[in-house]
Amino acid sequence: MNPTEVQGMYVALILPSMFGLVLTGEGVWKVVHQRLIGFISIFLGMMFMMAVGIGYLLFVGVL
């Protein structure tokens, strides 16, 4: 995949990062409404965002 292709970056980075943000936001909403299971969603969302960040670094050739 050519790094300059916008479609590849959209599929590989932007869609997964949106999923991670939604998962984190859902966890925050659950914690605000006194549901302790929200911490699991926050943790998984943050881990997903870290995986996307590492994928980006691999995508641009830093790692």
PDB file of N, CA and C in Angstrom:
ATOM      1  N   MET A   1       0.848  -1.172   0.000  1.00  0.00           N
ATOM      2  CA  MET A   1       0.000   0.000   0.000  1.00  0.00           C
ATOM      3  C   MET A   1       0.898   1.241   0.000  1.00  0.00           C
ATOM      4  N   ASN A   2       0.572   2.161  -0.848  1.00  0.00           N
ATOM      5  CA  ASN A   2       1.328   3.405  -0.953  1.00  0.00           C
ATOM      6  C   ASN A   2       0.914   4.350   0.176  1.00  0.00           C
ATOM      7  N   PRO A   3       1.860   4.867   0.963  1.00  0.00           N
ATOM      8  CA  PRO A   3       1.493   5.738   2.098  1.00  0.00           C
ATOM      9  C   PRO A   3       0.789   7.023   1.696  1.00  0.00           C
ATOM     10  N   THR A   4       0.881   7.415   0.428  1.00  0.00           N
ATOM     11  CA  THR A   4       0.223   8.656   0.016  1.00  0.00           C
ATOM     12  C   THR A   4      -1.232   8.450  -0.355  1.00  0.00           C
ATOM     13  N   GLU A   5      -1.703   7.217  -0.405  1.00  0.00           N
ATOM     14  CA  GLU A   5      -3.099   6.959  -0.738  1.00  0.00           C
ATOM     15  C   GLU A   5      -3.986   7.299   0.452  1.00  0.00           C
ATOM     16  N   VAL A   6      -4.931   8.167   0.219  1.00  0.00           N
ATOM     17  CA  VAL A   6      -5.817   8.621   1.293  1.00  0.00           C
ATOM     18  C   VAL A   6      -6.756   7.504   1.728  1.00  0.00           C
ATOM     19  N   GLN A   7      -7.196   6.675   0.795  1.00  0.00           N
ATOM     20  CA  GLN A   7      -8.126   5.602   1.137  1.00  0.00           C
ATOM     21  C   GLN A   7      -7.496   4.615   2.110  1.00  0.00           C
ATOM     22  N   GLY A   8      -6.239   4.287   1.897  1.00  0.00           N
ATOM     23  CA  GLY A   8      -5.561   3.355   2.788  1.00  0.00           C
ATOM     24  C   GLY A   8      -5.416   3.913   4.184  1.00  0.00           C
ATOM     25  N   MET A   9      -5.091   5.196   4.276  1.00  0.00           N
ATOM     26  CA  MET A   9      -4.961   5.810   5.598  1.00  0.00           C
ATOM     27  C   MET A   9      -6.320   5.885   6.283  1.00  0.00           C
ATOM     28  N   TYR A  10      -7.372   6.157   5.511  1.00  0.00           N
ATOM     29  CA  TYR A  10      -8.708   6.238   6.089  1.00  0.00           C
ATOM     30  C   TYR A  10      -9.117   4.905   6.693  1.00  0.00           C
ATOM     31  N   VAL A  11      -8.922   3.839   5.951  1.00  0.00           N
ATOM     32  CA  VAL A  11      -9.337   2.519   6.425  1.00  0.00           C
ATOM     33  C   VAL A  11      -8.441   2.035   7.557  1.00  0.00           C
ATOM     34  N   ALA A  12      -7.142   2.287   7.459  1.00  0.00           N
ATOM     35  CA  ALA A  12      -6.200   1.730   8.425  1.00  0.00           C
ATOM     36  C   ALA A  12      -6.087   2.535   9.706  1.00  0.00           C
ATOM     37  N   LEU A  13      -6.391   3.838   9.668  1.00  0.00           N
ATOM     38  CA  LEU A  13      -6.143   4.667  10.844  1.00  0.00           C
ATOM     39  C   LEU A  13      -7.372   5.419  11.341  1.00  0.00           C
ATOM     40  N   ILE A  14      -8.105   6.051  10.472  1.00  0.00           N
ATOM     41  CA  ILE A  14      -9.177   6.937  10.923  1.00  0.00           C
ATOM     42  C   ILE A  14     -10.379   6.158  11.437  1.00  0.00           C
ATOM     43  N   LEU A  15     -10.824   5.142  10.711  1.00  0.00           N
ATOM     44  CA  LEU A  15     -11.971   4.365  11.191  1.00  0.00           C
ATOM     45  C   LEU A  15     -11.683   3.660  12.516  1.00  0.00           C
ATOM     46  N   PRO A  16     -10.542   2.983  12.676  1.00  0.00           N
ATOM     47  CA  PRO A  16     -10.258   2.378  13.984  1.00  0.00           C
ATOM     48  C   PRO A  16     -10.111   3.395  15.111  1.00  0.00           C
ATOM     49  N   SER A  17      -9.554   4.570  14.806  1.00  0.00           N
ATOM     50  CA  SER A  17      -9.425   5.568  15.872  1.00  0.00           C
ATOM     51  C   SER A  17     -10.788   6.118  16.273  1.00  0.00           C
ATOM     52  N   MET A  18     -11.714   6.230  15.319  1.00  0.00           N
ATOM     53  CA  MET A  18     -13.073   6.647  15.675  1.00  0.00           C
ATOM     54  C   MET A  18     -13.730   5.606  16.574  1.00  0.00           C
ATOM     55  N   PHE A  19     -13.499   4.326  16.301  1.00  0.00           N
ATOM     56  CA  PHE A  19     -14.041   3.268  17.147  1.00  0.00           C
ATOM     57  C   PHE A  19     -13.465   3.360  18.556  1.00  0.00           C
ATOM     58  N   GLY A  20     -12.167   3.604  18.663  1.00  0.00           N
ATOM     59  CA  GLY A  20     -11.540   3.740  19.977  1.00  0.00           C
ATOM     60  C   GLY A  20     -12.080   4.925  20.750  1.00  0.00           C
ATOM     61  N   LEU A  21     -12.308   6.045  20.063  1.00  0.00           N
ATOM     62  CA  LEU A  21     -12.873   7.218  20.732  1.00  0.00           C
ATOM     63  C   LEU A  21     -14.301   6.965  21.203  1.00  0.00           C
ATOM     64  N   VAL A  22     -15.086   6.270  20.383  1.00  0.00           N
ATOM     65  CA  VAL A  22     -16.460   5.947  20.786  1.00  0.00           C
ATOM     66  C   VAL A  22     -16.452   5.015  21.990  1.00  0.00           C
ATOM     67  N   LEU A  23     -15.567   4.039  21.989  1.00  0.00           N
ATOM     68  CA  LEU A  23     -15.472   3.107  23.113  1.00  0.00           C
ATOM     69  C   LEU A  23     -15.063   3.832  24.389  1.00  0.00           C
ATOM     70  N   THR A  24     -14.120   4.753  24.283  1.00  0.00           N
ATOM     71  CA  THR A  24     -13.702   5.542  25.441  1.00  0.00           C
ATOM     72  C   THR A  24     -14.832   6.446  25.923  1.00  0.00           C
ATOM     73  N   GLY A  25     -15.516   7.091  24.997  1.00  0.00           N
ATOM     74  CA  GLY A  25     -16.639   7.956  25.367  1.00  0.00           C
ATOM     75  C   GLY A  25     -17.768   7.191  26.028  1.00  0.00           C
ATOM     76  N   GLU A  26     -18.036   5.995  25.548  1.00  0.00           N
ATOM     77  CA  GLU A  26     -19.064   5.163  26.171  1.00  0.00           C
ATOM     78  C   GLU A  26     -18.667   4.801  27.601  1.00  0.00           C
ATOM     79  N   GLY A  27     -17.394   4.514  27.805  1.00  0.00           N
ATOM     80  CA  GLY A  27     -16.916   4.205  29.150  1.00  0.00           C
ATOM     81  C   GLY A  27     -17.045   5.389  30.084  1.00  0.00           C
ATOM     82  N   VAL A  28     -16.728   6.590  29.591  1.00  0.00           N
ATOM     83  CA  VAL A  28     -16.877   7.795  30.412  1.00  0.00           C
ATOM     84  C   VAL A  28     -18.340   7.996  30.771  1.00  0.00           C
ATOM     85  N   TRP A  29     -19.233   7.790  29.817  1.00  0.00           N
ATOM     86  CA  TRP A  29     -20.670   7.944  30.083  1.00  0.00           C
ATOM     87  C   TRP A  29     -21.116   6.959  31.165  1.00  0.00           C
ATOM     88  N   LYS A  30     -20.632   5.713  31.084  1.00  0.00           N
ATOM     89  CA  LYS A  30     -21.009   4.714  32.083  1.00  0.00           C
ATOM     90  C   LYS A  30     -20.480   5.081  33.465  1.00  0.00           C
ATOM     91  N   VAL A  31     -19.250   5.584  33.540  1.00  0.00           N
ATOM     92  CA  VAL A  31     -18.673   5.956  34.833  1.00  0.00           C
ATOM     93  C   VAL A  31     -19.437   7.129  35.426  1.00  0.00           C
ATOM     94  N   VAL A  32     -19.812   8.102  34.602  1.00  0.00           N
ATOM     95  CA  VAL A  32     -20.563   9.259  35.096  1.00  0.00           C
ATOM     96  C   VAL A  32     -21.907   8.821  35.668  1.00  0.00           C
ATOM     97  N   HIS A  33     -22.487   7.782  35.094  1.00  0.00           N
ATOM     98  CA  HIS A  33     -23.776   7.288  35.570  1.00  0.00           C
ATOM     99  C   HIS A  33     -23.621   6.139  36.572  1.00  0.00           C
ATOM    100  N   GLN A  34     -22.514   6.142  37.307  1.00  0.00           N
ATOM    101  CA  GLN A  34     -22.243   5.212  38.408  1.00  0.00           C
ATOM    102  C   GLN A  34     -22.281   3.743  37.984  1.00  0.00           C
ATOM    103  N   ARG A  35     -21.763   3.440  36.822  1.00  0.00           N
ATOM    104  CA  ARG A  35     -21.616   2.046  36.409  1.00  0.00           C
ATOM    105  C   ARG A  35     -20.118   1.767  36.322  1.00  0.00           C
ATOM    106  N   LEU A  36     -19.611   0.991  37.245  1.00  0.00           N
ATOM    107  CA  LEU A  36     -18.169   0.765  37.333  1.00  0.00           C
ATOM    108  C   LEU A  36     -17.617  -0.025  36.155  1.00  0.00           C
ATOM    109  N   ILE A  37     -18.483  -0.705  35.401  1.00  0.00           N
ATOM    110  CA  ILE A  37     -18.007  -1.444  34.238  1.00  0.00           C
ATOM    111  C   ILE A  37     -17.480  -0.501  33.164  1.00  0.00           C
ATOM    112  N   GLY A  38     -17.768   0.788  33.299  1.00  0.00           N
ATOM    113  CA  GLY A  38     -17.271   1.769  32.342  1.00  0.00           C
ATOM    114  C   GLY A  38     -15.760   1.872  32.326  1.00  0.00           C
ATOM    115  N   PHE A  39     -15.110   1.554  33.442  1.00  0.00           N
ATOM    116  CA  PHE A  39     -13.649   1.601  33.473  1.00  0.00           C
ATOM    117  C   PHE A  39     -13.043   0.589  32.501  1.00  0.00           C
ATOM    118  N   ILE A  40     -13.726  -0.529  32.309  1.00  0.00           N
ATOM    119  CA  ILE A  40     -13.249  -1.524  31.342  1.00  0.00           C
ATOM    120  C   ILE A  40     -13.325  -0.953  29.935  1.00  0.00           C
ATOM    121  N   SER A  41     -14.417  -0.276  29.607  1.00  0.00           N
ATOM    122  CA  SER A  41     -14.557   0.333  28.285  1.00  0.00           C
ATOM    123  C   SER A  41     -13.518   1.425  28.065  1.00  0.00           C
ATOM    124  N   ILE A  42     -13.259   2.221  29.093  1.00  0.00           N
ATOM    125  CA  ILE A  42     -12.238   3.269  28.972  1.00  0.00           C
ATOM    126  C   ILE A  42     -10.875   2.636  28.726  1.00  0.00           C
ATOM    127  N   PHE A  43     -10.551   1.599  29.488  1.00  0.00           N
ATOM    128  CA  PHE A  43      -9.265   0.922  29.329  1.00  0.00           C
ATOM    129  C   PHE A  43      -9.125   0.320  27.932  1.00  0.00           C
ATOM    130  N   LEU A  44     -10.158  -0.372  27.466  1.00  0.00           N
ATOM    131  CA  LEU A  44     -10.092  -0.987  26.144  1.00  0.00           C
ATOM    132  C   LEU A  44     -10.012   0.064  25.039  1.00  0.00           C
ATOM    133  N   GLY A  45     -10.731   1.166  25.204  1.00  0.00           N
ATOM    134  CA  GLY A  45     -10.663   2.246  24.224  1.00  0.00           C
ATOM    135  C   GLY A  45      -9.281   2.858  24.150  1.00  0.00           C
ATOM    136  N   MET A  46      -8.659   3.069  25.305  1.00  0.00           N
ATOM    137  CA  MET A  46      -7.302   3.625  25.325  1.00  0.00           C
ATOM    138  C   MET A  46      -6.292   2.645  24.719  1.00  0.00           C
ATOM    139  N   MET A  47      -6.444   1.357  25.011  1.00  0.00           N
ATOM    140  CA  MET A  47      -5.553   0.366  24.420  1.00  0.00           C
ATOM    141  C   MET A  47      -5.725   0.319  22.901  1.00  0.00           C
ATOM    142  N   PHE A  48      -6.961   0.439  22.446  1.00  0.00           N
ATOM    143  CA  PHE A  48      -7.230   0.442  21.010  1.00  0.00           C
ATOM    144  C   PHE A  48      -6.591   1.655  20.355  1.00  0.00           C
ATOM    145  N   MET A  49      -6.675   2.816  21.024  1.00  0.00           N
ATOM    146  CA  MET A  49      -6.066   4.028  20.477  1.00  0.00           C
ATOM    147  C   MET A  49      -4.537   3.907  20.451  1.00  0.00           C
ATOM    148  N   MET A  50      -3.961   3.256  21.450  1.00  0.00           N
ATOM    149  CA  MET A  50      -2.517   3.033  21.441  1.00  0.00           C
ATOM    150  C   MET A  50      -2.121   2.123  20.283  1.00  0.00           C
ATOM    151  N   ALA A  51      -2.937   1.106  20.010  1.00  0.00           N
ATOM    152  CA  ALA A  51      -2.661   0.210  18.883  1.00  0.00           C
ATOM    153  C   ALA A  51      -2.738   0.967  17.560  1.00  0.00           C
ATOM    154  N   VAL A  52      -3.690   1.884  17.439  1.00  0.00           N
ATOM    155  CA  VAL A  52      -3.791   2.699  16.227  1.00  0.00           C
ATOM    156  C   VAL A  52      -2.565   3.602  16.102  1.00  0.00           C
ATOM    157  N   GLY A  53      -2.106   4.172  17.218  1.00  0.00           N
ATOM    158  CA  GLY A  53      -0.906   5.008  17.193  1.00  0.00           C
ATOM    159  C   GLY A  53       0.326   4.231  16.765  1.00  0.00           C
ATOM    160  N   ILE A  54       0.473   3.025  17.278  1.00  0.00           N
ATOM    161  CA  ILE A  54       1.600   2.186  16.873  1.00  0.00           C
ATOM    162  C   ILE A  54       1.470   1.814  15.400  1.00  0.00           C
ATOM    163  N   GLY A  55       0.245   1.538  14.961  1.00  0.00           N
ATOM    164  CA  GLY A  55       0.022   1.265  13.542  1.00  0.00           C
ATOM    165  C   GLY A  55       0.393   2.441  12.666  1.00  0.00           C
ATOM    166  N   TYR A  56       0.098   3.650  13.134  1.00  0.00           N
ATOM    167  CA  TYR A  56       0.484   4.845  12.378  1.00  0.00           C
ATOM    168  C   TYR A  56       2.000   4.960  12.272  1.00  0.00           C
ATOM    169  N   LEU A  57       2.683   4.721  13.387  1.00  0.00           N
ATOM    170  CA  LEU A  57       4.145   4.792  13.361  1.00  0.00           C
ATOM    171  C   LEU A  57       4.733   3.737  12.425  1.00  0.00           C
ATOM    172  N   LEU A  58       4.130   2.566  12.385  1.00  0.00           N
ATOM    173  CA  LEU A  58       4.572   1.547  11.438  1.00  0.00           C
ATOM    174  C   LEU A  58       4.247   1.957  10.006  1.00  0.00           C
ATOM    175  N   PHE A  59       3.106   2.611   9.826  1.00  0.00           N
ATOM    176  CA  PHE A  59       2.644   3.029   8.503  1.00  0.00           C
ATOM    177  C   PHE A  59       3.573   4.067   7.887  1.00  0.00           C
ATOM    178  N   VAL A  60       4.061   5.007   8.689  1.00  0.00           N
ATOM    179  CA  VAL A  60       4.939   6.053   8.163  1.00  0.00           C
ATOM    180  C   VAL A  60       6.409   5.636   8.184  1.00  0.00           C
ATOM    181  N   GLY A  61       6.718   4.508   8.796  1.00  0.00           N
ATOM    182  CA  GLY A  61       8.074   3.986   8.754  1.00  0.00           C
ATOM    183  C   GLY A  61       8.972   4.423   9.886  1.00  0.00           C
ATOM    184  N   VAL A  62       8.421   4.931  10.978  1.00  0.00           N
ATOM    185  CA  VAL A  62       9.239   5.334  12.120  1.00  0.00           C
ATOM    186  C   VAL A  62       9.716   4.106  12.885  1.00  0.00           C
ATOM    187  N   LEU A  63       8.855   3.123  13.045  1.00  0.00           N
ATOM    188  CA  LEU A  63       9.228   1.890  13.762  1.00  0.00           C
ATOM    189  C   LEU A  63       9.593   0.796  12.779  1.00  0.00           C
TER     190      LEU A  63
END
